[in-house]
PDB file of N, CA and C in Angstrom:
ATOM      1  N   MET A   1    -109.804-129.331 -31.422  1.00  0.00           N
ATOM      2  CA  MET A   1    -109.353-128.503 -30.335  1.00  0.00           C
ATOM      3  C   MET A   1    -110.128-127.199 -30.386  1.00  0.00           C
ATOM      4  N   GLY A   2    -110.774-126.831 -29.329  1.00  0.00           N
ATOM      5  CA  GLY A   2    -111.478-125.569 -29.258  1.00  0.00           C
ATOM      6  C   GLY A   2    -110.627-124.518 -28.558  1.00  0.00           C
ATOM      7  N   LEU A   3    -110.559-123.353 -29.151  1.00  0.00           N
ATOM      8  CA  LEU A   3    -109.798-122.260 -28.564  1.00  0.00           C
ATOM      9  C   LEU A   3    -110.747-121.091 -28.352  1.00  0.00           C
ATOM     10  N   GLU A   4    -110.937-120.693 -27.101  1.00  0.00           N
ATOM     11  CA  GLU A   4    -111.955-119.704 -26.819  1.00  0.00           C
ATOM     12  C   GLU A   4    -111.420-118.402 -26.237  1.00  0.00           C
ATOM     13  N   ARG A   5    -110.147-118.222 -26.164  1.00  0.00           N
ATOM     14  CA  ARG A   5    -109.605-116.994 -25.586  1.00  0.00           C
ATOM     15  C   ARG A   5    -109.189-116.031 -26.689  1.00  0.00           C
ATOM     16  N   ILE A   6    -109.210-114.772 -26.368  1.00  0.00           N
ATOM     17  CA  ILE A   6    -108.849-113.731 -27.329  1.00  0.00           C
ATOM     18  C   ILE A   6    -107.422-113.964 -27.841  1.00  0.00           C
ATOM     19  N   HIS A   7    -107.263-113.965 -29.131  1.00  0.00           N
ATOM     20  CA  HIS A   7    -105.995-114.143 -29.840  1.00  0.00           C
ATOM     21  C   HIS A   7    -105.349-115.503 -29.614  1.00  0.00           C
ATOM     22  N   THR A   8    -106.017-116.410 -28.959  1.00  0.00           N
ATOM     23  CA  THR A   8    -105.468-117.748 -28.771  1.00  0.00           C
ATOM     24  C   THR A   8    -105.350-118.456 -30.103  1.00  0.00           C
ATOM     25  N   HIS A   9    -106.238-118.123 -31.029  1.00  0.00           N
ATOM     26  CA  HIS A   9    -106.229-118.791 -32.329  1.00  0.00           C
ATOM     27  C   HIS A   9    -104.892-118.622 -33.034  1.00  0.00           C
ATOM     28  N   CYS A  10    -104.226-117.500 -32.857  1.00  0.00           N
ATOM     29  CA  CYS A  10    -102.946-117.269 -33.538  1.00  0.00           C
ATOM     30  C   CYS A  10    -101.817-118.072 -32.907  1.00  0.00           C
ATOM     31  N   SER A  11    -101.681-118.020 -31.599  1.00  0.00           N
ATOM     32  CA  SER A  11    -100.556-118.687 -30.963  1.00  0.00           C
ATOM     33  C   SER A  11    -100.724-120.202 -30.927  1.00  0.00           C
ATOM     34  N   CYS A  12    -101.897-120.686 -30.604  1.00  0.00           N
ATOM     35  CA  CYS A  12    -102.103-122.134 -30.507  1.00  0.00           C
ATOM     36  C   CYS A  12    -102.202-122.788 -31.873  1.00  0.00           C
ATOM     37  N   LYS A  13    -102.743-122.083 -32.840  1.00  0.00           N
ATOM     38  CA  LYS A  13    -102.876-122.647 -34.173  1.00  0.00           C
ATOM     39  C   LYS A  13    -101.506-122.949 -34.755  1.00  0.00           C
ATOM     40  N   PHE A  14    -100.571-122.023 -34.611  1.00  0.00           N
ATOM     41  CA  PHE A  14     -99.239-122.242 -35.148  1.00  0.00           C
ATOM     42  C   PHE A  14     -98.600-123.444 -34.473  1.00  0.00           C
ATOM     43  N   SER A  15     -98.775-123.570 -33.179  1.00  0.00           N
ATOM     44  CA  SER A  15     -98.233-124.702 -32.441  1.00  0.00           C
ATOM     45  C   SER A  15     -98.869-126.003 -32.918  1.00  0.00           C
ATOM     46  N   LEU A  16    -100.163-126.014 -33.111  1.00  0.00           N
ATOM     47  CA  LEU A  16    -100.870-127.202 -33.584  1.00  0.00           C
ATOM     48  C   LEU A  16    -100.367-127.607 -34.957  1.00  0.00           C
ATOM     49  N   TYR A  17    -100.228-126.635 -35.858  1.00  0.00           N
ATOM     50  CA  TYR A  17     -99.759-126.932 -37.205  1.00  0.00           C
ATOM     51  C   TYR A  17     -98.329-127.461 -37.185  1.00  0.00           C
ATOM     52  N   SER A  18     -97.466-126.850 -36.416  1.00  0.00           N
ATOM     53  CA  SER A  18     -96.072-127.290 -36.327  1.00  0.00           C
ATOM     54  C   SER A  18     -95.985-128.718 -35.821  1.00  0.00           C
ATOM     55  N   HIS A  19     -96.756-129.021 -34.794  1.00  0.00           N
ATOM     56  CA  HIS A  19     -96.744-130.376 -34.246  1.00  0.00           C
ATOM     57  C   HIS A  19     -97.351-131.381 -35.222  1.00  0.00           C
ATOM     58  N   SER A  20     -98.347-130.976 -35.978  1.00  0.00           N
ATOM     59  CA  SER A  20     -98.955-131.898 -36.942  1.00  0.00           C
ATOM     60  C   SER A  20     -97.941-132.282 -38.014  1.00  0.00           C
ATOM     61  N   GLN A  21     -97.095-131.337 -38.431  1.00  0.00           N
ATOM     62  CA  GLN A  21     -96.055-131.632 -39.416  1.00  0.00           C
ATOM     63  C   GLN A  21     -95.008-132.579 -38.808  1.00  0.00           C
ATOM     64  N   TYR A  22     -94.641-132.332 -37.561  1.00  0.00           N
ATOM     65  CA  TYR A  22     -93.657-133.161 -36.878  1.00  0.00           C
ATOM     66  C   TYR A  22     -94.171-134.590 -36.716  1.00  0.00           C
ATOM     67  N   LEU A  23     -95.451-134.731 -36.444  1.00  0.00           N
ATOM     68  CA  LEU A  23     -96.037-136.055 -36.218  1.00  0.00           C
ATOM     69  C   LEU A  23     -96.494-136.728 -37.513  1.00  0.00           C
ATOM     70  N   CYS A  24     -96.152-136.144 -38.641  1.00  0.00           N
ATOM     71  CA  CYS A  24     -96.478-136.695 -39.960  1.00  0.00           C
ATOM     72  C   CYS A  24     -97.978-136.683 -40.246  1.00  0.00           C
ATOM     73  N   PHE A  25     -98.685-135.719 -39.712  1.00  0.00           N
ATOM     74  CA  PHE A  25    -100.090-135.535 -40.036  1.00  0.00           C
ATOM     75  C   PHE A  25    -100.212-134.482 -41.119  1.00  0.00           C
ATOM     76  N   SER A  26     -99.512-134.676 -42.211  1.00  0.00           N
ATOM     77  CA  SER A  26     -99.494-133.668 -43.264  1.00  0.00           C
ATOM     78  C   SER A  26    -100.848-133.534 -43.952  1.00  0.00           C
ATOM     79  N   ASP A  27    -101.721-134.527 -43.758  1.00  0.00           N
ATOM     80  CA  ASP A  27    -103.041-134.455 -44.372  1.00  0.00           C
ATOM     81  C   ASP A  27    -104.087-133.897 -43.413  1.00  0.00           C
ATOM     82  N   LEU A  28    -103.655-133.328 -42.307  1.00  0.00           N
ATOM     83  CA  LEU A  28    -104.557-132.741 -41.327  1.00  0.00           C
ATOM     84  C   LEU A  28    -105.146-131.453 -41.883  1.00  0.00           C
ATOM     85  N   VAL A  29    -106.457-131.335 -41.846  1.00  0.00           N
ATOM     86  CA  VAL A  29    -107.129-130.115 -42.280  1.00  0.00           C
ATOM     87  C   VAL A  29    -107.412-129.280 -41.042  1.00  0.00           C
ATOM     88  N   ILE A  30    -106.894-128.064 -41.031  1.00  0.00           N
ATOM     89  CA  ILE A  30    -107.069-127.185 -39.876  1.00  0.00           C
ATOM     90  C   ILE A  30    -108.134-126.148 -40.212  1.00  0.00           C
ATOM     91  N   VAL A  31    -109.178-126.120 -39.404  1.00  0.00           N
ATOM     92  CA  VAL A  31    -110.304-125.204 -39.580  1.00  0.00           C
ATOM     93  C   VAL A  31    -110.462-124.419 -38.297  1.00  0.00           C
ATOM     94  N   VAL A  32    -110.577-123.107 -38.414  1.00  0.00           N
ATOM     95  CA  VAL A  32    -110.814-122.284 -37.236  1.00  0.00           C
ATOM     96  C   VAL A  32    -112.057-121.438 -37.462  1.00  0.00           C
ATOM     97  N   GLY A  33    -112.684-121.073 -36.376  1.00  0.00           N
ATOM     98  CA  GLY A  33    -113.870-120.251 -36.484  1.00  0.00           C
ATOM     99  C   GLY A  33    -114.170-119.547 -35.180  1.00  0.00           C
ATOM    100  N   GLY A  34    -115.020-118.569 -35.284  1.00  0.00           N
ATOM    101  CA  GLY A  34    -115.409-117.804 -34.109  1.00  0.00           C
ATOM    102  C   GLY A  34    -115.195-116.333 -34.344  1.00  0.00           C
ATOM    103  N   VAL A  35    -115.028-115.616 -33.262  1.00  0.00           N
ATOM    104  CA  VAL A  35    -114.815-114.175 -33.351  1.00  0.00           C
ATOM    105  C   VAL A  35    -113.319-113.952 -33.557  1.00  0.00           C
ATOM    106  N   ILE A  36    -112.926-113.978 -34.809  1.00  0.00           N
ATOM    107  CA  ILE A  36    -111.529-113.815 -35.192  1.00  0.00           C
ATOM    108  C   ILE A  36    -111.427-112.518 -35.983  1.00  0.00           C
ATOM    109  N   PRO A  37    -110.575-111.606 -35.561  1.00  0.00           N
ATOM    110  CA  PRO A  37    -110.435-110.341 -36.281  1.00  0.00           C
ATOM    111  C   PRO A  37    -110.033-110.578 -37.741  1.00  0.00           C
ATOM    112  N   ALA A  38    -110.644-109.838 -38.645  1.00  0.00           N
ATOM    113  CA  ALA A  38    -110.371-109.993 -40.075  1.00  0.00           C
ATOM    114  C   ALA A  38    -108.887-109.836 -40.385  1.00  0.00           C
ATOM    115  N   GLN A  39    -108.184-108.991 -39.649  1.00  0.00           N
ATOM    116  CA  GLN A  39    -106.768-108.785 -39.917  1.00  0.00           C
ATOM    117  C   GLN A  39    -105.919-110.006 -39.577  1.00  0.00           C
ATOM    118  N   ASP A  40    -106.470-110.980 -38.867  1.00  0.00           N
ATOM    119  CA  ASP A  40    -105.737-112.204 -38.536  1.00  0.00           C
ATOM    120  C   ASP A  40    -105.904-113.306 -39.578  1.00  0.00           C
ATOM    121  N   TYR A  41    -106.853-113.157 -40.476  1.00  0.00           N
ATOM    122  CA  TYR A  41    -107.137-114.212 -41.453  1.00  0.00           C
ATOM    123  C   TYR A  41    -105.908-114.556 -42.291  1.00  0.00           C
ATOM    124  N   ASP A  42    -105.225-113.547 -42.833  1.00  0.00           N
ATOM    125  CA  ASP A  42    -104.062-113.819 -43.688  1.00  0.00           C
ATOM    126  C   ASP A  42    -102.982-114.574 -42.922  1.00  0.00           C
ATOM    127  N   PHE A  43    -102.730-114.161 -41.683  1.00  0.00           N
ATOM    128  CA  PHE A  43    -101.739-114.869 -40.862  1.00  0.00           C
ATOM    129  C   PHE A  43    -102.125-116.336 -40.708  1.00  0.00           C
ATOM    130  N   LEU A  44    -103.390-116.587 -40.435  1.00  0.00           N
ATOM    131  CA  LEU A  44    -103.841-117.958 -40.249  1.00  0.00           C
ATOM    132  C   LEU A  44    -103.669-118.784 -41.524  1.00  0.00           C
ATOM    133  N   TYR A  45    -104.052-118.209 -42.662  1.00  0.00           N
ATOM    134  CA  TYR A  45    -103.885-118.922 -43.938  1.00  0.00           C
ATOM    135  C   TYR A  45    -102.408-119.171 -44.246  1.00  0.00           C
ATOM    136  N   GLU A  46    -101.570-118.183 -44.000  1.00  0.00           N
ATOM    137  CA  GLU A  46    -100.140-118.304 -44.294  1.00  0.00           C
ATOM    138  C   GLU A  46     -99.449-119.365 -43.451  1.00  0.00           C
ATOM    139  N   THR A  47     -99.993-119.659 -42.296  1.00  0.00           N
ATOM    140  CA  THR A  47     -99.357-120.624 -41.408  1.00  0.00           C
ATOM    141  C   THR A  47    -100.039-121.987 -41.420  1.00  0.00           C
ATOM    142  N   GLY A  48    -100.893-122.211 -42.421  1.00  0.00           N
ATOM    143  CA  GLY A  48    -101.406-123.560 -42.607  1.00  0.00           C
ATOM    144  C   GLY A  48    -102.878-123.808 -42.388  1.00  0.00           C
ATOM    145  N   VAL A  49    -103.616-122.807 -41.937  1.00  0.00           N
ATOM    146  CA  VAL A  49    -105.054-122.999 -41.758  1.00  0.00           C
ATOM    147  C   VAL A  49    -105.704-123.103 -43.139  1.00  0.00           C
ATOM    148  N   HIS A  50    -106.592-124.058 -43.285  1.00  0.00           N
ATOM    149  CA  HIS A  50    -107.265-124.253 -44.562  1.00  0.00           C
ATOM    150  C   HIS A  50    -108.522-123.390 -44.696  1.00  0.00           C
ATOM    151  N   LEU A  51    -109.272-123.274 -43.610  1.00  0.00           N
ATOM    152  CA  LEU A  51    -110.532-122.525 -43.645  1.00  0.00           C
ATOM    153  C   LEU A  51    -110.690-121.700 -42.379  1.00  0.00           C
ATOM    154  N   VAL A  52    -111.241-120.508 -42.541  1.00  0.00           N
ATOM    155  CA  VAL A  52    -111.541-119.636 -41.402  1.00  0.00           C
ATOM    156  C   VAL A  52    -113.006-119.230 -41.511  1.00  0.00           C
ATOM    157  N   PHE A  53    -113.753-119.441 -40.446  1.00  0.00           N
ATOM    158  CA  PHE A  53    -115.158-119.067 -40.414  1.00  0.00           C
ATOM    159  C   PHE A  53    -115.390-118.030 -39.327  1.00  0.00           C
ATOM    160  N   GLY A  54    -115.951-116.910 -39.718  1.00  0.00           N
ATOM    161  CA  GLY A  54    -116.239-115.837 -38.786  1.00  0.00           C
ATOM    162  C   GLY A  54    -117.653-115.924 -38.245  1.00  0.00           C
ATOM    163  N   PRO A  55    -118.004-114.960 -37.418  1.00  0.00           N
ATOM    164  CA  PRO A  55    -119.349-114.926 -36.845  1.00  0.00           C
ATOM    165  C   PRO A  55    -120.409-114.868 -37.946  1.00  0.00           C
ATOM    166  N   GLY A  56    -121.487-115.554 -37.727  1.00  0.00           N
ATOM    167  CA  GLY A  56    -122.590-115.525 -38.675  1.00  0.00           C
ATOM    168  C   GLY A  56    -122.495-116.544 -39.791  1.00  0.00           C
ATOM    169  N   THR A  57    -121.424-117.319 -39.818  1.00  0.00           N
ATOM    170  CA  THR A  57    -121.297-118.350 -40.847  1.00  0.00           C
ATOM    171  C   THR A  57    -122.380-119.403 -40.630  1.00  0.00           C
ATOM    172  N   LYS A  58    -123.106-119.710 -41.682  1.00  0.00           N
ATOM    173  CA  LYS A  58    -124.127-120.759 -41.593  1.00  0.00           C
ATOM    174  C   LYS A  58    -123.438-122.111 -41.502  1.00  0.00           C
ATOM    175  N   VAL A  59    -123.934-122.953 -40.626  1.00  0.00           N
ATOM    176  CA  VAL A  59    -123.349-124.274 -40.429  1.00  0.00           C
ATOM    177  C   VAL A  59    -123.361-125.064 -41.734  1.00  0.00           C
ATOM    178  N   THR A  60    -124.436-124.957 -42.496  1.00  0.00           N
ATOM    179  CA  THR A  60    -124.519-125.704 -43.750  1.00  0.00           C
ATOM    180  C   THR A  60    -123.461-125.227 -44.746  1.00  0.00           C
ATOM    181  N   ASP A  61    -123.218-123.926 -44.810  1.00  0.00           N
ATOM    182  CA  ASP A  61    -122.178-123.390 -45.700  1.00  0.00           C
ATOM    183  C   ASP A  61    -120.798-123.864 -45.258  1.00  0.00           C
ATOM    184  N   ALA A  62    -120.555-123.835 -43.947  1.00  0.00           N
ATOM    185  CA  ALA A  62    -119.268-124.281 -43.422  1.00  0.00           C
ATOM    186  C   ALA A  62    -119.060-125.767 -43.724  1.00  0.00           C
ATOM    187  N   ALA A  63    -120.089-126.561 -43.533  1.00  0.00           N
ATOM    188  CA  ALA A  63    -119.975-127.999 -43.787  1.00  0.00           C
ATOM    189  C   ALA A  63    -119.627-128.283 -45.242  1.00  0.00           C
ATOM    190  N   ILE A  64    -120.262-127.591 -46.151  1.00  0.00           N
ATOM    191  CA  ILE A  64    -119.970-127.775 -47.572  1.00  0.00           C
ATOM    192  C   ILE A  64    -118.525-127.401 -47.874  1.00  0.00           C
ATOM    193  N   GLN A  65    -118.060-126.291 -47.319  1.00  0.00           N
ATOM    194  CA  GLN A  65    -116.686-125.858 -47.558  1.00  0.00           C
ATOM    195  C   GLN A  65    -115.670-126.841 -46.971  1.00  0.00           C
ATOM    196  N   VAL A  66    -115.967-127.392 -45.803  1.00  0.00           N
ATOM    197  CA  VAL A  66    -115.062-128.362 -45.186  1.00  0.00           C
ATOM    198  C   VAL A  66    -114.985-129.623 -46.049  1.00  0.00           C
ATOM    199  N   VAL A  67    -116.128-130.125 -46.485  1.00  0.00           N
ATOM    200  CA  VAL A  67    -116.141-131.322 -47.335  1.00  0.00           C
ATOM    201  C   VAL A  67    -115.393-131.053 -48.639  1.00  0.00           C
ATOM    202  N   ASP A  68    -115.629-129.888 -49.250  1.00  0.00           N
ATOM    203  CA  ASP A  68    -114.932-129.531 -50.492  1.00  0.00           C
ATOM    204  C   ASP A  68    -113.424-129.447 -50.269  1.00  0.00           C
ATOM    205  N   CYS A  69    -113.013-128.892 -49.149  1.00  0.00           N
ATOM    206  CA  CYS A  69    -111.585-128.770 -48.827  1.00  0.00           C
ATOM    207  C   CYS A  69    -110.956-130.157 -48.683  1.00  0.00           C
ATOM    208  N   ILE A  70    -111.603-131.010 -47.924  1.00  0.00           N
ATOM    209  CA  ILE A  70    -111.091-132.370 -47.735  1.00  0.00           C
ATOM    210  C   ILE A  70    -111.026-133.091 -49.070  1.00  0.00           C
ATOM    211  N   ASP A  71    -112.079-132.956 -49.858  1.00  0.00           N
ATOM    212  CA  ASP A  71    -112.153-133.605 -51.165  1.00  0.00           C
ATOM    213  C   ASP A  71    -111.005-133.136 -52.073  1.00  0.00           C
ATOM    214  N   SER A  72    -110.691-131.850 -52.018  1.00  0.00           N
ATOM    215  CA  SER A  72    -109.634-131.318 -52.873  1.00  0.00           C
ATOM    216  C   SER A  72    -108.241-131.808 -52.476  1.00  0.00           C
ATOM    217  N   LEU A  73    -108.089-132.256 -51.240  1.00  0.00           N
ATOM    218  CA  LEU A  73    -106.803-132.721 -50.756  1.00  0.00           C
ATOM    219  C   LEU A  73    -106.589-134.226 -50.931  1.00  0.00           C
ATOM    220  N   LEU A  74    -107.666-134.940 -51.265  1.00  0.00           N
ATOM    221  CA  LEU A  74    -107.551-136.386 -51.461  1.00  0.00           C
ATOM    222  C   LEU A  74    -106.948-136.689 -52.821  1.00  0.00           C
ATOM    223  N   PRO A  75    -106.184-137.774 -52.896  1.00  0.00           N
ATOM    224  CA  PRO A  75    -105.739-138.222 -54.216  1.00  0.00           C
ATOM    225  C   PRO A  75    -106.972-138.505 -55.083  1.00  0.00           C
ATOM    226  N   ASP A  76    -106.833-138.369 -56.376  1.00  0.00           N
ATOM    227  CA  ASP A  76    -107.973-138.511 -57.291  1.00  0.00           C
ATOM    228  C   ASP A  76    -108.770-139.788 -57.085  1.00  0.00           C
ATOM    229  N   ASN A  77    -108.110-140.894 -56.804  1.00  0.00           N
ATOM    230  CA  ASN A  77    -108.833-142.155 -56.656  1.00  0.00           C
ATOM    231  C   ASN A  77    -109.594-142.260 -55.344  1.00  0.00           C
ATOM    232  N   GLU A  78    -109.400-141.322 -54.415  1.00  0.00           N
ATOM    233  CA  GLU A  78    -110.110-141.349 -53.145  1.00  0.00           C
ATOM    234  C   GLU A  78    -111.173-140.260 -53.031  1.00  0.00           C
ATOM    235  N   ALA A  79    -111.312-139.429 -54.039  1.00  0.00           N
ATOM    236  CA  ALA A  79    -112.262-138.320 -53.975  1.00  0.00           C
ATOM    237  C   ALA A  79    -113.677-138.844 -53.768  1.00  0.00           C
ATOM    238  N   THR A  80    -114.452-138.027 -53.045  1.00  0.00           N
ATOM    239  CA  THR A  80    -115.808-138.465 -52.688  1.00  0.00           C
ATOM    240  C   THR A  80    -116.819-138.195 -53.794  1.00  0.00           C
ATOM    241  N   GLY A  81    -116.485-137.463 -54.781  1.00  0.00           N
ATOM    242  CA  GLY A  81    -117.506-137.226 -55.781  1.00  0.00           C
ATOM    243  C   GLY A  81    -116.991-136.535 -56.950  1.00  0.00           C
TER     244      GLY A  81
END
């Protein structure tokens, strides 16, 4: 889901996370990025976001972090490496 409006990341993210729990998607990894004010990062983490990427994040760095995050959430026998 792409969110492109100012402060939409806070209101829609919480809704997305709440619905994911209701629908039993407890293994859903939520990643947000874009022009997100630094003061919103803690709120996003506290409400279930796993990773936040701000402006200037290198795609390769983000990809590594996403894979590492997913890997850390898998049961040991399913880990990728």
